[in-house]
Amino acid sequence: MQKIYICSTNLIEMLKIISFTVLIVAICIVLLCVKILFQKNGRFPNMHVSGNKALQKKKIGCVQSQDREARRINPHAIAERKK
């Protein structure tokens, strides 16, 4: 009488590779967060355009911020007449 194997060797190999990949990704995330986890007030660096001091000196801002400012209603504007 032959034994029937539930898991094939391909499935076992696939699970080994997936678990190894998840382990590598977890290690990478932990290493990226070392400064944040172990520093007293650790934070992610501000990668936004408005957080860059060199661009602030040149008065270059984010497109979204510039658009928001352009769409803001001007309280000093004079209302147009209706015809």
C-alpha atoms as a PDB file:
ATOM      1  CA  MET A   1       0.000   0.000   0.000  1.00  0.00           C
ATOM      2  CA  GLN A   2       1.369   3.395  -1.015  1.00  0.00           C
ATOM      3  CA  LYS A   3       1.318   6.437   1.212  1.00  0.00           C
ATOM      4  CA  ILE A   4      -0.403   9.530  -0.116  1.00  0.00           C
ATOM      5  CA  TYR A   5       1.433  12.746   0.661  1.00  0.00           C
ATOM      6  CA  ILE A   6      -0.760  15.767   1.274  1.00  0.00           C
ATOM      7  CA  CYS A   7       1.932  18.363   0.589  1.00  0.00           C
ATOM      8  CA  SER A   8       4.010  18.078  -2.500  1.00  0.00           C
ATOM      9  CA  THR A   9       7.643  19.103  -2.479  1.00  0.00           C
ATOM     10  CA  ASN A  10       6.831  22.123  -4.679  1.00  0.00           C
ATOM     11  CA  LEU A  11       4.429  23.478  -2.068  1.00  0.00           C
ATOM     12  CA  ILE A  12       6.948  22.993   0.725  1.00  0.00           C
ATOM     13  CA  GLU A  13       9.659  24.769  -1.285  1.00  0.00           C
ATOM     14  CA  MET A  14       7.255  27.588  -2.076  1.00  0.00           C
ATOM     15  CA  LEU A  15       6.403  28.041   1.622  1.00  0.00           C
ATOM     16  CA  LYS A  16      10.111  28.096   2.503  1.00  0.00           C
ATOM     17  CA  ILE A  17      10.767  30.826  -0.063  1.00  0.00           C
ATOM     18  CA  ILE A  18       7.758  32.891   1.057  1.00  0.00           C
ATOM     19  CA  SER A  19       8.726  32.637   4.737  1.00  0.00           C
ATOM     20  CA  PHE A  20      12.329  33.569   3.896  1.00  0.00           C
ATOM     21  CA  THR A  21      11.105  36.582   1.895  1.00  0.00           C
ATOM     22  CA  VAL A  22       8.820  37.744   4.725  1.00  0.00           C
ATOM     23  CA  LEU A  23      11.737  37.404   7.149  1.00  0.00           C
ATOM     24  CA  ILE A  24      14.002  39.532   4.936  1.00  0.00           C
ATOM     25  CA  VAL A  25      11.322  42.234   4.547  1.00  0.00           C
ATOM     26  CA  ALA A  26      10.736  42.292   8.328  1.00  0.00           C
ATOM     27  CA  ILE A  27      14.471  42.672   8.986  1.00  0.00           C
ATOM     28  CA  CYS A  28      14.660  45.538   6.458  1.00  0.00           C
ATOM     29  CA  ILE A  29      11.749  47.366   8.091  1.00  0.00           C
ATOM     30  CA  VAL A  30      13.319  47.005  11.531  1.00  0.00           C
ATOM     31  CA  LEU A  31      16.671  48.282  10.254  1.00  0.00           C
ATOM     32  CA  LEU A  32      14.989  51.287   8.621  1.00  0.00           C
ATOM     33  CA  CYS A  33      13.276  52.109  11.920  1.00  0.00           C
ATOM     34  CA  VAL A  34      16.341  51.772  14.188  1.00  0.00           C
ATOM     35  CA  LYS A  35      16.826  55.537  14.517  1.00  0.00           C
ATOM     36  CA  ILE A  36      13.145  56.111  15.164  1.00  0.00           C
ATOM     37  CA  LEU A  37      12.817  53.304  17.702  1.00  0.00           C
ATOM     38  CA  PHE A  38      15.930  54.006  19.771  1.00  0.00           C
ATOM     39  CA  GLN A  39      16.217  57.789  19.630  1.00  0.00           C
ATOM     40  CA  LYS A  40      14.281  59.745  22.261  1.00  0.00           C
ATOM     41  CA  ASN A  41      12.209  61.898  19.883  1.00  0.00           C
ATOM     42  CA  GLY A  42      12.890  59.880  16.761  1.00  0.00           C
ATOM     43  CA  ARG A  43      10.852  60.786  13.694  1.00  0.00           C
ATOM     44  CA  PHE A  44      10.893  60.025  10.018  1.00  0.00           C
ATOM     45  CA  PRO A  45      12.699  62.740   8.044  1.00  0.00           C
ATOM     46  CA  ASN A  46      10.473  65.216   6.243  1.00  0.00           C
ATOM     47  CA  MET A  47      10.833  64.329   2.570  1.00  0.00           C
ATOM     48  CA  HIS A  48       8.226  66.854   1.401  1.00  0.00           C
ATOM     49  CA  VAL A  49       9.282  69.751  -0.818  1.00  0.00           C
ATOM     50  CA  SER A  50       8.160  72.280   1.775  1.00  0.00           C
ATOM     51  CA  GLY A  51      10.452  70.653   4.368  1.00  0.00           C
ATOM     52  CA  ASN A  52      13.600  71.239   2.310  1.00  0.00           C
ATOM     53  CA  LYS A  53      15.502  74.301   3.568  1.00  0.00           C
ATOM     54  CA  ALA A  54      17.360  74.879   0.291  1.00  0.00           C
ATOM     55  CA  LEU A  55      14.086  75.036  -1.635  1.00  0.00           C
ATOM     56  CA  GLN A  56      12.573  77.337   1.008  1.00  0.00           C
ATOM     57  CA  LYS A  57      15.438  79.791   0.467  1.00  0.00           C
ATOM     58  CA  LYS A  58      14.665  79.789  -3.261  1.00  0.00           C
ATOM     59  CA  LYS A  59      10.940  80.189  -2.400  1.00  0.00           C
ATOM     60  CA  ILE A  60       9.996  76.991  -4.202  1.00  0.00           C
ATOM     61  CA  GLY A  61       6.995  75.243  -2.766  1.00  0.00           C
ATOM     62  CA  CYS A  62       4.856  72.211  -3.315  1.00  0.00           C
ATOM     63  CA  VAL A  63       2.408  72.309  -6.218  1.00  0.00           C
ATOM     64  CA  GLN A  64      -0.433  71.222  -3.952  1.00  0.00           C
ATOM     65  CA  SER A  65       0.320  73.991  -1.444  1.00  0.00           C
ATOM     66  CA  GLN A  66       0.566  76.593  -4.194  1.00  0.00           C
ATOM     67  CA  ASP A  67      -2.731  75.411  -5.665  1.00  0.00           C
ATOM     68  CA  ARG A  68      -4.400  75.554  -2.232  1.00  0.00           C
ATOM     69  CA  GLU A  69      -3.181  79.125  -1.744  1.00  0.00           C
ATOM     70  CA  ALA A  70      -4.372  80.157  -5.217  1.00  0.00           C
ATOM     71  CA  ARG A  71      -7.854  78.744  -4.596  1.00  0.00           C
ATOM     72  CA  ARG A  72      -8.223  80.431  -1.208  1.00  0.00           C
ATOM     73  CA  ILE A  73     -10.881  83.162  -1.198  1.00  0.00           C
ATOM     74  CA  ASN A  74      -9.357  86.610  -0.916  1.00  0.00           C
ATOM     75  CA  PRO A  75     -11.112  88.591   1.849  1.00  0.00           C
ATOM     76  CA  HIS A  76      -9.956  91.870   0.254  1.00  0.00           C
ATOM     77  CA  ALA A  77     -11.345  91.128  -3.189  1.00  0.00           C
ATOM     78  CA  ILE A  78     -14.078  93.342  -4.612  1.00  0.00           C
ATOM     79  CA  ALA A  79     -17.227  91.504  -5.627  1.00  0.00           C
ATOM     80  CA  GLU A  80     -18.078  91.675  -9.315  1.00  0.00           C
ATOM     81  CA  ARG A  81     -21.329  93.203 -10.466  1.00  0.00           C
ATOM     82  CA  LYS A  82     -24.021  90.989 -11.869  1.00  0.00           C
ATOM     83  CA  LYS A  83     -25.503  92.017 -15.211  1.00  0.00           C
END
